[in-house]
Amino acid sequence: MPNDLSVLQGQRCNQSESRSVMRLHQGDCITLRSDAGLFQVIGIDGDHDRCWVRQWPLKPQGSPVFEVPLDQITPPSGPD
């Protein structure tokens, strides 16, 4: 059975396509309404409207993972 939340090979943060919150996948890069930085989606809990993200690109010592509500996510703008 396919699982949209499974880890995919490669760095999906390199994609330039904009996504809506409803099409959010593990590995996608997003921005937060409260922060101008770029973040990578680590996990999604659609039943509770939450996801876990970390700052992107990763810091040499690692980037902490934290939880955010899905309504605080803004997909990055891609080229039209």
Protein backbone atom coordinates (compact mmCIF):
# COMPACT_ATOMS: atom_id res chain seq x y z
CA MET A 1 0.00 0.00 0.00
CA PRO A 2 1.56 3.37 -0.98
CA ASN A 3 2.21 5.89 1.76
CA ASP A 4 2.51 9.60 0.86
CA LEU A 5 4.45 10.13 4.08
CA SER A 6 7.22 7.66 3.24
CA VAL A 7 10.75 9.00 2.89
CA LEU A 8 11.71 9.58 -0.72
CA GLN A 9 15.24 9.44 -2.08
CA GLY A 10 16.95 12.77 -2.80
CA GLN A 11 16.44 16.28 -1.52
CA ARG A 12 12.88 17.35 -2.30
CA CYS A 13 13.74 20.83 -1.01
CA ASN A 14 15.27 21.56 -4.40
CA GLN A 15 11.88 21.59 -6.10
CA SER A 16 10.64 24.95 -7.28
CA GLU A 17 6.97 24.06 -7.63
CA SER A 18 4.54 25.71 -5.22
CA ARG A 19 2.27 23.39 -3.24
CA SER A 20 -0.88 23.97 -1.27
CA VAL A 21 -1.14 22.84 2.34
CA MET A 22 -3.62 20.15 1.25
CA ARG A 23 -0.91 18.60 -0.94
CA LEU A 24 1.85 18.78 1.66
CA HIS A 25 4.29 15.84 1.65
CA GLN A 26 7.18 14.74 3.81
CA GLY A 27 10.38 16.28 2.43
CA ASP A 28 8.67 19.37 0.98
CA CYS A 29 10.12 22.78 1.74
CA ILE A 30 7.77 25.43 3.08
CA THR A 31 7.81 28.79 4.79
CA LEU A 32 5.97 29.74 7.97
CA ARG A 33 3.71 32.75 8.35
CA SER A 34 5.75 33.72 11.42
CA ASP A 35 9.24 33.28 9.91
CA ALA A 36 10.84 34.21 6.58
CA GLY A 37 13.18 31.20 6.62
CA LEU A 38 12.83 27.95 4.70
CA PHE A 39 11.79 24.76 6.51
CA GLN A 40 11.63 21.07 5.55
CA VAL A 41 8.57 18.98 6.43
CA ILE A 42 9.58 15.97 8.55
CA GLY A 43 6.16 14.52 9.39
CA ILE A 44 2.46 15.32 8.98
CA ASP A 45 -0.49 14.58 11.26
CA GLY A 46 -3.50 15.47 9.15
CA ASP A 47 -5.93 14.15 11.79
CA HIS A 48 -4.74 16.85 14.21
CA ASP A 49 -3.78 19.52 11.62
CA ARG A 50 -0.11 19.53 12.69
CA CYS A 51 3.23 18.87 11.10
CA TRP A 52 6.84 18.70 12.20
CA VAL A 53 9.46 20.80 10.46
CA ARG A 54 13.14 21.70 10.70
CA GLN A 55 15.09 24.64 9.34
CA TRP A 56 16.53 24.18 5.84
CA PRO A 57 19.31 23.95 4.87
CA LEU A 58 20.44 21.79 7.75
CA LYS A 59 23.01 23.28 10.11
CA PRO A 60 26.29 21.35 10.53
CA GLN A 61 25.29 20.41 14.11
CA GLY A 62 21.72 19.57 13.02
CA SER A 63 18.47 21.51 12.98
CA PRO A 64 15.92 20.95 15.76
CA VAL A 65 12.51 19.60 14.77
CA PHE A 66 9.41 21.41 16.02
CA GLU A 67 5.64 21.17 15.62
CA VAL A 68 3.52 23.75 13.81
CA PRO A 69 -0.20 23.97 12.97
CA LEU A 70 -0.92 23.38 9.28
CA ASP A 71 -2.66 26.75 9.01
CA GLN A 72 0.69 28.46 9.77
CA ILE A 73 2.36 26.98 6.66
CA THR A 74 2.85 28.91 3.45
CA PRO A 75 4.26 27.01 0.47
CA PRO A 76 7.23 28.85 -1.07
CA SER A 77 6.52 30.88 -4.19
CA GLY A 78 7.75 29.21 -7.35
CA PRO A 79 8.33 30.72 -10.77
CA ASP A 80 5.11 31.32 -12.72
